[in-house]
Amino acid sequence: MQLVAGTAELFRVRVDDREFLRGRLGARVPDEWPPPLYDQEALEWMAKYLDENPDAGGWTFYFIILAARDGVAASDTLIGGIGYKGKPSADGTVEIGYSMLPEFQRAGYATEAAGALVRQAFSDPHVARVIAETYPELRPSIRVLEKNNFRFIGDGSEERVIRYALTREEYEG
């Protein structure tokens, strides 16, 4: 599996422009693209965020590509997305989010990708905590967080959303 950092150019296209993504990512883009909860509004937000924060670099979205050599797909395949919702805040908090195409859910890919983002986040000495929000009915999403040692901390930033967190101390312990 490979995580490919998104760019402002990739965020300025239609969310369902599979041909453009295929050309830029060099991977097969399934007809079911985009995955749930990954929409045009999210793309526009990321493009604007990068325009306003040119130093944000790796603190945005990554495309999850399953390599053909992993033996699951006949060719490199775009299976989902994961990313940070911006640079760490003043108190050292960074938020992650992720979404997988349904046919690739419950296979450990989101768990692996989330673990990679957590490791990357805590490699920055300014990061004190990684948070993630989900809906209580999205049990597979909750399992991704639990498998990465996140713990439930309460209500999220929107109605019906719940929040999980992993502190640096928990991560290192």
N, C-alpha and C. Protein backbone atom coordinates (compact mmCIF):
# COMPACT_ATOMS: atom_id res chain seq x y z
N MET A 1 0.84 -1.17 0.00
CA MET A 1 0.00 0.00 0.00
C MET A 1 0.89 1.24 0.00
N GLN A 2 0.42 2.27 -0.68
CA GLN A 2 1.18 3.51 -0.79
C GLN A 2 0.26 4.69 -0.51
N LEU A 3 0.77 5.68 0.19
CA LEU A 3 0.04 6.92 0.42
C LEU A 3 0.67 7.99 -0.46
N VAL A 4 -0.13 8.60 -1.32
CA VAL A 4 0.35 9.62 -2.24
C VAL A 4 -0.26 10.95 -1.83
N ALA A 5 0.60 11.91 -1.51
CA ALA A 5 0.12 13.22 -1.05
C ALA A 5 -0.64 13.94 -2.16
N GLY A 6 -1.77 14.49 -1.78
CA GLY A 6 -2.56 15.30 -2.70
C GLY A 6 -1.90 16.64 -2.92
N THR A 7 -2.26 17.27 -4.00
CA THR A 7 -1.76 18.61 -4.33
C THR A 7 -2.95 19.51 -4.63
N ALA A 8 -2.70 20.81 -4.63
CA ALA A 8 -3.76 21.75 -4.95
C ALA A 8 -4.33 21.44 -6.34
N GLU A 9 -3.47 21.02 -7.28
CA GLU A 9 -3.94 20.67 -8.62
C GLU A 9 -4.95 19.51 -8.55
N LEU A 10 -4.65 18.49 -7.77
CA LEU A 10 -5.55 17.35 -7.65
C LEU A 10 -6.85 17.72 -6.94
N PHE A 11 -6.80 18.74 -6.10
CA PHE A 11 -7.99 19.15 -5.36
C PHE A 11 -8.88 20.11 -6.15
N ARG A 12 -8.41 20.56 -7.31
CA ARG A 12 -9.19 21.52 -8.10
C ARG A 12 -10.00 20.85 -9.20
N VAL A 13 -10.05 19.55 -9.23
CA VAL A 13 -10.84 18.84 -10.24
C VAL A 13 -12.11 18.31 -9.61
N ARG A 14 -13.01 17.85 -10.45
CA ARG A 14 -14.24 17.24 -9.93
C ARG A 14 -13.88 15.98 -9.15
N VAL A 15 -14.56 15.76 -8.07
CA VAL A 15 -14.29 14.63 -7.20
C VAL A 15 -14.41 13.30 -7.93
N ASP A 16 -15.24 13.25 -8.98
CA ASP A 16 -15.45 12.00 -9.70
C ASP A 16 -14.72 11.95 -11.05
N ASP A 17 -13.71 12.83 -11.25
CA ASP A 17 -12.95 12.83 -12.49
C ASP A 17 -11.91 11.71 -12.43
N ARG A 18 -12.36 10.49 -12.67
CA ARG A 18 -11.50 9.31 -12.54
C ARG A 18 -10.36 9.31 -13.56
N GLU A 19 -10.63 9.79 -14.75
CA GLU A 19 -9.59 9.80 -15.79
C GLU A 19 -8.43 10.71 -15.40
N PHE A 20 -8.75 11.88 -14.88
CA PHE A 20 -7.70 12.81 -14.43
C PHE A 20 -6.89 12.18 -13.30
N LEU A 21 -7.57 11.58 -12.33
CA LEU A 21 -6.86 10.93 -11.21
C LEU A 21 -5.98 9.79 -11.71
N ARG A 22 -6.51 8.99 -12.62
CA ARG A 22 -5.72 7.88 -13.16
C ARG A 22 -4.43 8.39 -13.79
N GLY A 23 -4.54 9.45 -14.58
CA GLY A 23 -3.37 10.01 -15.23
C GLY A 23 -2.35 10.57 -14.25
N ARG A 24 -2.84 11.23 -13.21
CA ARG A 24 -1.93 11.86 -12.25
C ARG A 24 -1.36 10.87 -11.23
N LEU A 25 -2.16 9.86 -10.86
CA LEU A 25 -1.72 8.91 -9.83
C LEU A 25 -1.11 7.64 -10.41
N GLY A 26 -1.33 7.40 -11.70
CA GLY A 26 -0.80 6.19 -12.31
C GLY A 26 -1.41 4.93 -11.75
N ALA A 27 -2.67 5.01 -11.37
CA ALA A 27 -3.36 3.87 -10.77
C ALA A 27 -4.76 3.75 -11.35
N ARG A 28 -5.27 2.53 -11.33
CA ARG A 28 -6.65 2.30 -11.74
C ARG A 28 -7.56 2.99 -10.73
N VAL A 29 -8.59 3.67 -11.23
CA VAL A 29 -9.56 4.34 -10.36
C VAL A 29 -10.90 3.63 -10.59
N PRO A 30 -11.37 2.85 -9.60
CA PRO A 30 -12.61 2.09 -9.77
C PRO A 30 -13.81 3.00 -10.09
N ASP A 31 -14.77 2.39 -10.80
CA ASP A 31 -15.98 3.12 -11.17
C ASP A 31 -16.73 3.66 -9.96
N GLU A 32 -16.55 3.04 -8.81
CA GLU A 32 -17.26 3.45 -7.59
C GLU A 32 -16.66 4.71 -6.95
N TRP A 33 -15.52 5.20 -7.46
CA TRP A 33 -14.89 6.40 -6.90
C TRP A 33 -15.84 7.57 -7.04
N PRO A 34 -16.01 8.42 -6.05
CA PRO A 34 -15.25 8.54 -4.80
C PRO A 34 -15.86 7.70 -3.67
N PRO A 35 -15.07 7.50 -2.60
CA PRO A 35 -15.59 6.75 -1.45
C PRO A 35 -16.59 7.59 -0.66
N PRO A 36 -17.33 6.95 0.24
CA PRO A 36 -18.31 7.68 1.06
C PRO A 36 -17.67 8.83 1.84
N LEU A 37 -18.40 9.90 1.96
CA LEU A 37 -18.01 11.09 2.74
C LEU A 37 -16.85 11.88 2.14
N TYR A 38 -16.39 11.51 0.95
CA TYR A 38 -15.35 12.26 0.25
C TYR A 38 -16.06 12.96 -0.90
N ASP A 39 -16.28 14.26 -0.77
CA ASP A 39 -17.12 14.96 -1.73
C ASP A 39 -16.44 16.21 -2.28
N GLN A 40 -17.14 16.90 -3.17
CA GLN A 40 -16.60 18.08 -3.82
C GLN A 40 -16.27 19.17 -2.80
N GLU A 41 -17.10 19.31 -1.79
CA GLU A 41 -16.86 20.32 -0.76
C GLU A 41 -15.53 20.07 -0.05
N ALA A 42 -15.22 18.82 0.22
CA ALA A 42 -13.95 18.48 0.87
C ALA A 42 -12.77 18.84 -0.03
N LEU A 43 -12.89 18.55 -1.32
CA LEU A 43 -11.83 18.89 -2.26
C LEU A 43 -11.60 20.40 -2.30
N GLU A 44 -12.67 21.15 -2.41
CA GLU A 44 -12.55 22.60 -2.48
C GLU A 44 -11.94 23.16 -1.20
N TRP A 45 -12.31 22.59 -0.04
CA TRP A 45 -11.74 23.04 1.22
C TRP A 45 -10.24 22.81 1.23
N MET A 46 -9.80 21.62 0.75
CA MET A 46 -8.37 21.31 0.75
C MET A 46 -7.59 22.21 -0.20
N ALA A 47 -8.14 22.49 -1.37
CA ALA A 47 -7.47 23.38 -2.32
C ALA A 47 -7.31 24.77 -1.72
N LYS A 48 -8.37 25.27 -1.11
CA LYS A 48 -8.32 26.59 -0.47
C LYS A 48 -7.33 26.59 0.69
N TYR A 49 -7.34 25.52 1.49
CA TYR A 49 -6.42 25.44 2.62
C TYR A 49 -4.97 25.50 2.15
N LEU A 50 -4.65 24.77 1.09
CA LEU A 50 -3.28 24.80 0.57
C LEU A 50 -2.93 26.16 -0.01
N ASP A 51 -3.89 26.83 -0.66
CA ASP A 51 -3.64 28.18 -1.17
C ASP A 51 -3.30 29.14 -0.03
N GLU A 52 -4.02 29.00 1.07
CA GLU A 52 -3.83 29.90 2.22
C GLU A 52 -2.68 29.48 3.12
N ASN A 53 -2.26 28.23 3.02
CA ASN A 53 -1.19 27.68 3.87
C ASN A 53 -0.19 26.93 3.01
N PRO A 54 0.60 27.65 2.21
CA PRO A 54 1.52 26.97 1.31
C PRO A 54 2.56 26.12 2.03
N ASP A 55 2.74 26.35 3.32
CA ASP A 55 3.69 25.56 4.11
C ASP A 55 3.04 24.31 4.71
N ALA A 56 1.77 24.06 4.38
CA ALA A 56 1.05 22.92 4.97
C ALA A 56 1.57 21.59 4.47
N GLY A 57 2.15 21.57 3.28
CA GLY A 57 2.77 20.37 2.74
C GLY A 57 2.05 19.08 3.08
N GLY A 58 2.65 18.27 3.92
CA GLY A 58 2.12 16.96 4.25
C GLY A 58 0.96 16.94 5.21
N TRP A 59 0.42 18.09 5.57
CA TRP A 59 -0.67 18.14 6.55
C TRP A 59 -2.05 18.20 5.89
N THR A 60 -2.19 17.57 4.72
CA THR A 60 -3.50 17.52 4.08
C THR A 60 -3.85 16.08 3.72
N PHE A 61 -4.35 15.87 2.53
CA PHE A 61 -4.95 14.61 2.11
C PHE A 61 -3.97 13.72 1.35
N TYR A 62 -4.12 12.42 1.54
CA TYR A 62 -3.33 11.42 0.82
C TYR A 62 -4.28 10.44 0.13
N PHE A 63 -3.92 10.04 -1.07
CA PHE A 63 -4.65 9.01 -1.78
C PHE A 63 -4.05 7.66 -1.38
N ILE A 64 -4.90 6.69 -1.08
CA ILE A 64 -4.44 5.35 -0.69
C ILE A 64 -4.46 4.47 -1.94
N ILE A 65 -3.29 4.01 -2.31
CA ILE A 65 -3.16 3.18 -3.51
C ILE A 65 -2.67 1.79 -3.10
N LEU A 66 -3.44 0.80 -3.48
CA LEU A 66 -3.07 -0.59 -3.24
C LEU A 66 -2.21 -1.04 -4.41
N ALA A 67 -0.98 -1.41 -4.12
CA ALA A 67 -0.06 -1.80 -5.18
C ALA A 67 -0.39 -3.19 -5.71
N ALA A 68 -0.23 -3.37 -7.00
CA ALA A 68 -0.50 -4.67 -7.63
C ALA A 68 0.38 -5.75 -6.99
N ARG A 69 1.56 -5.38 -6.57
CA ARG A 69 2.46 -6.37 -5.97
C ARG A 69 1.94 -6.92 -4.65
N ASP A 70 0.94 -6.26 -4.06
CA ASP A 70 0.35 -6.76 -2.82
C ASP A 70 -0.52 -7.99 -3.07
N GLY A 71 -0.72 -8.35 -4.36
CA GLY A 71 -1.40 -9.57 -4.70
C GLY A 71 -2.92 -9.53 -4.64
N VAL A 72 -3.50 -8.37 -4.30
CA VAL A 72 -4.95 -8.28 -4.20
C VAL A 72 -5.55 -7.74 -5.51
N ALA A 73 -4.86 -6.81 -6.12
CA ALA A 73 -5.37 -6.18 -7.34
C ALA A 73 -4.44 -6.50 -8.51
N ALA A 74 -5.00 -6.53 -9.72
CA ALA A 74 -4.22 -6.81 -10.92
C ALA A 74 -3.33 -5.63 -11.30
N SER A 75 -3.71 -4.43 -10.90
CA SER A 75 -2.91 -3.24 -11.16
C SER A 75 -2.99 -2.34 -9.94
N ASP A 76 -2.06 -1.38 -9.85
CA ASP A 76 -2.15 -0.42 -8.76
C ASP A 76 -3.54 0.20 -8.80
N THR A 77 -4.20 0.27 -7.63
CA THR A 77 -5.59 0.69 -7.58
C THR A 77 -5.81 1.70 -6.47
N LEU A 78 -6.49 2.79 -6.81
CA LEU A 78 -6.89 3.79 -5.84
C LEU A 78 -8.05 3.22 -5.02
N ILE A 79 -7.86 3.07 -3.72
CA ILE A 79 -8.88 2.42 -2.89
C ILE A 79 -9.51 3.33 -1.85
N GLY A 80 -8.94 4.51 -1.64
CA GLY A 80 -9.52 5.41 -0.64
C GLY A 80 -8.65 6.62 -0.42
N GLY A 81 -8.97 7.33 0.62
CA GLY A 81 -8.22 8.52 0.97
C GLY A 81 -8.14 8.68 2.47
N ILE A 82 -7.10 9.37 2.89
CA ILE A 82 -6.88 9.61 4.31
C ILE A 82 -6.10 10.91 4.41
N GLY A 83 -6.24 11.60 5.50
CA GLY A 83 -5.46 12.81 5.61
C GLY A 83 -5.65 13.54 6.91
N TYR A 84 -4.88 14.59 7.01
CA TYR A 84 -4.98 15.52 8.13
C TYR A 84 -5.91 16.64 7.71
N LYS A 85 -6.57 17.22 8.68
CA LYS A 85 -7.41 18.38 8.39
C LYS A 85 -6.64 19.64 8.73
N GLY A 86 -5.42 19.69 8.22
CA GLY A 86 -4.57 20.85 8.40
C GLY A 86 -3.43 20.62 9.36
N LYS A 87 -2.61 21.66 9.48
CA LYS A 87 -1.44 21.63 10.36
C LYS A 87 -1.87 21.52 11.82
N PRO A 88 -0.94 21.12 12.69
CA PRO A 88 -1.27 21.06 14.12
C PRO A 88 -1.70 22.43 14.64
N SER A 89 -2.67 22.41 15.55
CA SER A 89 -3.14 23.65 16.17
C SER A 89 -2.10 24.15 17.19
N ALA A 90 -2.35 25.30 17.76
CA ALA A 90 -1.44 25.89 18.74
C ALA A 90 -1.20 24.96 19.93
N ASP A 91 -2.20 24.15 20.29
CA ASP A 91 -2.02 23.23 21.43
C ASP A 91 -1.46 21.88 21.00
N GLY A 92 -1.06 21.75 19.74
CA GLY A 92 -0.44 20.51 19.26
C GLY A 92 -1.41 19.43 18.83
N THR A 93 -2.66 19.81 18.54
CA THR A 93 -3.66 18.84 18.09
C THR A 93 -3.73 18.81 16.57
N VAL A 94 -3.80 17.62 16.02
CA VAL A 94 -4.00 17.45 14.59
C VAL A 94 -5.14 16.44 14.43
N GLU A 95 -6.00 16.68 13.43
CA GLU A 95 -7.13 15.79 13.19
C GLU A 95 -6.93 14.99 11.92
N ILE A 96 -7.31 13.71 11.96
CA ILE A 96 -7.27 12.88 10.76
C ILE A 96 -8.68 12.48 10.36
N GLY A 97 -8.83 12.14 9.09
CA GLY A 97 -10.07 11.61 8.56
C GLY A 97 -9.73 10.63 7.45
N TYR A 98 -10.64 9.72 7.14
CA TYR A 98 -10.36 8.71 6.13
C TYR A 98 -11.67 8.19 5.55
N SER A 99 -11.56 7.63 4.34
CA SER A 99 -12.70 7.02 3.69
C SER A 99 -12.19 6.01 2.68
N MET A 100 -12.81 4.83 2.67
CA MET A 100 -12.40 3.75 1.77
C MET A 100 -13.57 3.38 0.86
N LEU A 101 -13.25 2.98 -0.35
CA LEU A 101 -14.28 2.42 -1.21
C LEU A 101 -14.84 1.17 -0.53
N PRO A 102 -16.15 0.96 -0.59
CA PRO A 102 -16.76 -0.16 0.14
C PRO A 102 -16.11 -1.52 -0.10
N GLU A 103 -15.70 -1.81 -1.33
CA GLU A 103 -15.13 -3.14 -1.60
C GLU A 103 -13.78 -3.36 -0.92
N PHE A 104 -13.16 -2.29 -0.42
CA PHE A 104 -11.87 -2.41 0.25
C PHE A 104 -11.97 -2.17 1.76
N GLN A 105 -13.18 -2.02 2.25
CA GLN A 105 -13.37 -1.86 3.69
C GLN A 105 -13.24 -3.20 4.38
N ARG A 106 -12.93 -3.15 5.66
CA ARG A 106 -12.82 -4.34 6.51
C ARG A 106 -11.72 -5.29 6.07
N ALA A 107 -10.68 -4.73 5.46
CA ALA A 107 -9.54 -5.54 5.04
C ALA A 107 -8.25 -5.07 5.69
N GLY A 108 -8.34 -4.09 6.59
CA GLY A 108 -7.16 -3.60 7.30
C GLY A 108 -6.44 -2.44 6.64
N TYR A 109 -6.87 -2.04 5.46
CA TYR A 109 -6.17 -0.96 4.75
C TYR A 109 -6.31 0.39 5.46
N ALA A 110 -7.51 0.72 5.91
CA ALA A 110 -7.70 1.99 6.62
C ALA A 110 -6.94 1.99 7.93
N THR A 111 -6.92 0.85 8.62
CA THR A 111 -6.17 0.74 9.88
C THR A 111 -4.69 0.98 9.63
N GLU A 112 -4.16 0.37 8.58
CA GLU A 112 -2.75 0.54 8.24
C GLU A 112 -2.44 1.98 7.86
N ALA A 113 -3.30 2.58 7.05
CA ALA A 113 -3.08 3.96 6.61
C ALA A 113 -3.18 4.93 7.79
N ALA A 114 -4.17 4.71 8.66
CA ALA A 114 -4.31 5.58 9.85
C ALA A 114 -3.07 5.45 10.74
N GLY A 115 -2.57 4.25 10.90
CA GLY A 115 -1.36 4.05 11.69
C GLY A 115 -0.18 4.81 11.10
N ALA A 116 -0.07 4.82 9.78
CA ALA A 116 1.01 5.57 9.13
C ALA A 116 0.87 7.07 9.38
N LEU A 117 -0.35 7.59 9.33
CA LEU A 117 -0.55 9.02 9.60
C LEU A 117 -0.25 9.36 11.05
N VAL A 118 -0.64 8.48 11.96
CA VAL A 118 -0.35 8.71 13.38
C VAL A 118 1.17 8.75 13.61
N ARG A 119 1.89 7.78 13.03
CA ARG A 119 3.36 7.77 13.17
C ARG A 119 3.97 9.04 12.61
N GLN A 120 3.48 9.44 11.44
CA GLN A 120 4.00 10.66 10.82
C GLN A 120 3.70 11.87 11.69
N ALA A 121 2.50 11.95 12.23
CA ALA A 121 2.14 13.09 13.07
C ALA A 121 3.04 13.17 14.30
N PHE A 122 3.22 12.05 14.99
CA PHE A 122 4.02 12.08 16.21
C PHE A 122 5.52 12.18 15.94
N SER A 123 5.94 12.08 14.69
CA SER A 123 7.34 12.34 14.37
C SER A 123 7.64 13.84 14.43
N ASP A 124 6.58 14.65 14.43
CA ASP A 124 6.72 16.09 14.59
C ASP A 124 6.66 16.39 16.09
N PRO A 125 7.70 16.98 16.66
CA PRO A 125 7.72 17.22 18.11
C PRO A 125 6.64 18.18 18.60
N HIS A 126 6.00 18.93 17.70
CA HIS A 126 4.95 19.87 18.11
C HIS A 126 3.60 19.19 18.30
N VAL A 127 3.45 17.97 17.79
CA VAL A 127 2.17 17.28 17.89
C VAL A 127 2.06 16.60 19.26
N ALA A 128 1.01 16.97 19.98
CA ALA A 128 0.75 16.40 21.31
C ALA A 128 -0.42 15.42 21.29
N ARG A 129 -1.29 15.55 20.27
CA ARG A 129 -2.50 14.74 20.25
C ARG A 129 -3.02 14.63 18.83
N VAL A 130 -3.53 13.44 18.49
CA VAL A 130 -4.19 13.22 17.21
C VAL A 130 -5.64 12.87 17.53
N ILE A 131 -6.56 13.55 16.85
CA ILE A 131 -7.99 13.28 17.06
C ILE A 131 -8.62 12.82 15.74
N ALA A 132 -9.78 12.21 15.87
CA ALA A 132 -10.57 11.81 14.70
C ALA A 132 -12.03 11.82 15.11
N GLU A 133 -12.88 12.16 14.16
CA GLU A 133 -14.32 12.16 14.41
C GLU A 133 -15.01 11.20 13.46
N THR A 134 -16.09 10.61 13.93
CA THR A 134 -16.87 9.68 13.13
C THR A 134 -18.30 9.68 13.63
N TYR A 135 -19.13 8.92 12.97
CA TYR A 135 -20.51 8.76 13.42
C TYR A 135 -20.61 7.49 14.26
N PRO A 136 -21.43 7.49 15.30
CA PRO A 136 -21.51 6.32 16.17
C PRO A 136 -21.96 5.05 15.46
N GLU A 137 -22.70 5.17 14.36
CA GLU A 137 -23.15 3.97 13.65
C GLU A 137 -22.10 3.40 12.70
N LEU A 138 -20.99 4.11 12.50
CA LEU A 138 -19.93 3.63 11.61
C LEU A 138 -18.94 2.77 12.39
N ARG A 139 -19.40 1.60 12.78
CA ARG A 139 -18.59 0.69 13.60
C ARG A 139 -17.23 0.35 12.97
N PRO A 140 -17.16 0.11 11.65
CA PRO A 140 -15.84 -0.16 11.07
C PRO A 140 -14.87 1.02 11.23
N SER A 141 -15.39 2.24 11.14
CA SER A 141 -14.54 3.41 11.35
C SER A 141 -14.04 3.48 12.79
N ILE A 142 -14.92 3.18 13.71
CA ILE A 142 -14.54 3.17 15.13
C ILE A 142 -13.47 2.11 15.37
N ARG A 143 -13.60 0.94 14.73
CA ARG A 143 -12.61 -0.12 14.89
C ARG A 143 -11.24 0.31 14.37
N VAL A 144 -11.19 1.07 13.28
CA VAL A 144 -9.93 1.60 12.77
C VAL A 144 -9.24 2.41 13.86
N LEU A 145 -10.01 3.26 14.52
CA LEU A 145 -9.45 4.09 15.58
C LEU A 145 -9.02 3.26 16.78
N GLU A 146 -9.86 2.35 17.20
CA GLU A 146 -9.54 1.50 18.36
C GLU A 146 -8.28 0.66 18.09
N LYS A 147 -8.15 0.14 16.89
CA LYS A 147 -6.97 -0.67 16.56
C LYS A 147 -5.69 0.16 16.56
N ASN A 148 -5.85 1.48 16.43
CA ASN A 148 -4.70 2.38 16.50
C ASN A 148 -4.60 3.06 17.87
N ASN A 149 -5.28 2.48 18.87
CA ASN A 149 -5.20 2.90 20.28
C ASN A 149 -5.84 4.24 20.59
N PHE A 150 -6.71 4.72 19.71
CA PHE A 150 -7.48 5.92 20.03
C PHE A 150 -8.52 5.54 21.08
N ARG A 151 -8.92 6.52 21.88
CA ARG A 151 -9.97 6.28 22.87
C ARG A 151 -11.08 7.30 22.68
N PHE A 152 -12.28 6.88 22.97
CA PHE A 152 -13.45 7.74 22.87
C PHE A 152 -13.33 8.86 23.90
N ILE A 153 -13.56 10.11 23.47
CA ILE A 153 -13.49 11.23 24.42
C ILE A 153 -14.76 12.06 24.47
N GLY A 154 -15.77 11.74 23.63
CA GLY A 154 -17.04 12.45 23.75
C GLY A 154 -17.57 12.95 22.43
N ASP A 155 -18.39 13.98 22.54
CA ASP A 155 -19.04 14.56 21.37
C ASP A 155 -18.03 15.22 20.44
N GLY A 156 -18.35 15.19 19.15
CA GLY A 156 -17.49 15.82 18.16
C GLY A 156 -17.90 17.25 17.88
N SER A 157 -17.43 17.77 16.77
CA SER A 157 -17.63 19.18 16.43
C SER A 157 -18.98 19.45 15.77
N GLU A 158 -19.70 18.41 15.38
CA GLU A 158 -21.00 18.56 14.75
C GLU A 158 -22.01 17.66 15.43
N GLU A 159 -23.27 17.93 15.16
CA GLU A 159 -24.34 17.11 15.73
C GLU A 159 -24.18 15.66 15.29
N ARG A 160 -24.38 14.73 16.20
CA ARG A 160 -24.31 13.28 15.98
C ARG A 160 -22.90 12.74 15.79
N VAL A 161 -21.90 13.57 15.80
CA VAL A 161 -20.52 13.13 15.59
C VAL A 161 -19.87 12.87 16.94
N ILE A 162 -19.03 11.82 16.98
CA ILE A 162 -18.28 11.52 18.20
C ILE A 162 -16.79 11.64 17.92
N ARG A 163 -16.02 11.87 18.98
CA ARG A 163 -14.59 12.14 18.83
C ARG A 163 -13.76 11.12 19.60
N TYR A 164 -12.65 10.75 18.96
CA TYR A 164 -11.65 9.86 19.55
C TYR A 164 -10.32 10.61 19.57
N ALA A 165 -9.43 10.21 20.48
CA ALA A 165 -8.14 10.88 20.58
C ALA A 165 -7.05 9.89 20.97
N LEU A 166 -5.82 10.26 20.60
CA LEU A 166 -4.62 9.54 20.99
C LEU A 166 -3.58 10.58 21.34
N THR A 167 -3.14 10.59 22.59
CA THR A 167 -2.12 11.56 23.00
C THR A 167 -0.73 10.99 22.73
N ARG A 168 0.23 11.87 22.72
CA ARG A 168 1.62 11.45 22.54
C ARG A 168 2.02 10.47 23.63
N GLU A 169 1.61 10.74 24.88
CA GLU A 169 1.97 9.86 25.99
C GLU A 169 1.38 8.45 25.78
N GLU A 170 0.14 8.39 25.32
CA GLU A 170 -0.49 7.09 25.04
C GLU A 170 0.23 6.38 23.89
N TYR A 171 0.56 7.14 22.87
CA TYR A 171 1.24 6.59 21.70
C TYR A 171 2.61 6.02 22.08
N GLU A 172 3.35 6.77 22.88
CA GLU A 172 4.70 6.34 23.24
C GLU A 172 4.71 5.29 24.33
N GLY A 173 3.58 5.19 25.07
CA GLY A 173 3.49 4.22 26.17
C GLY A 173 3.10 2.91 25.71
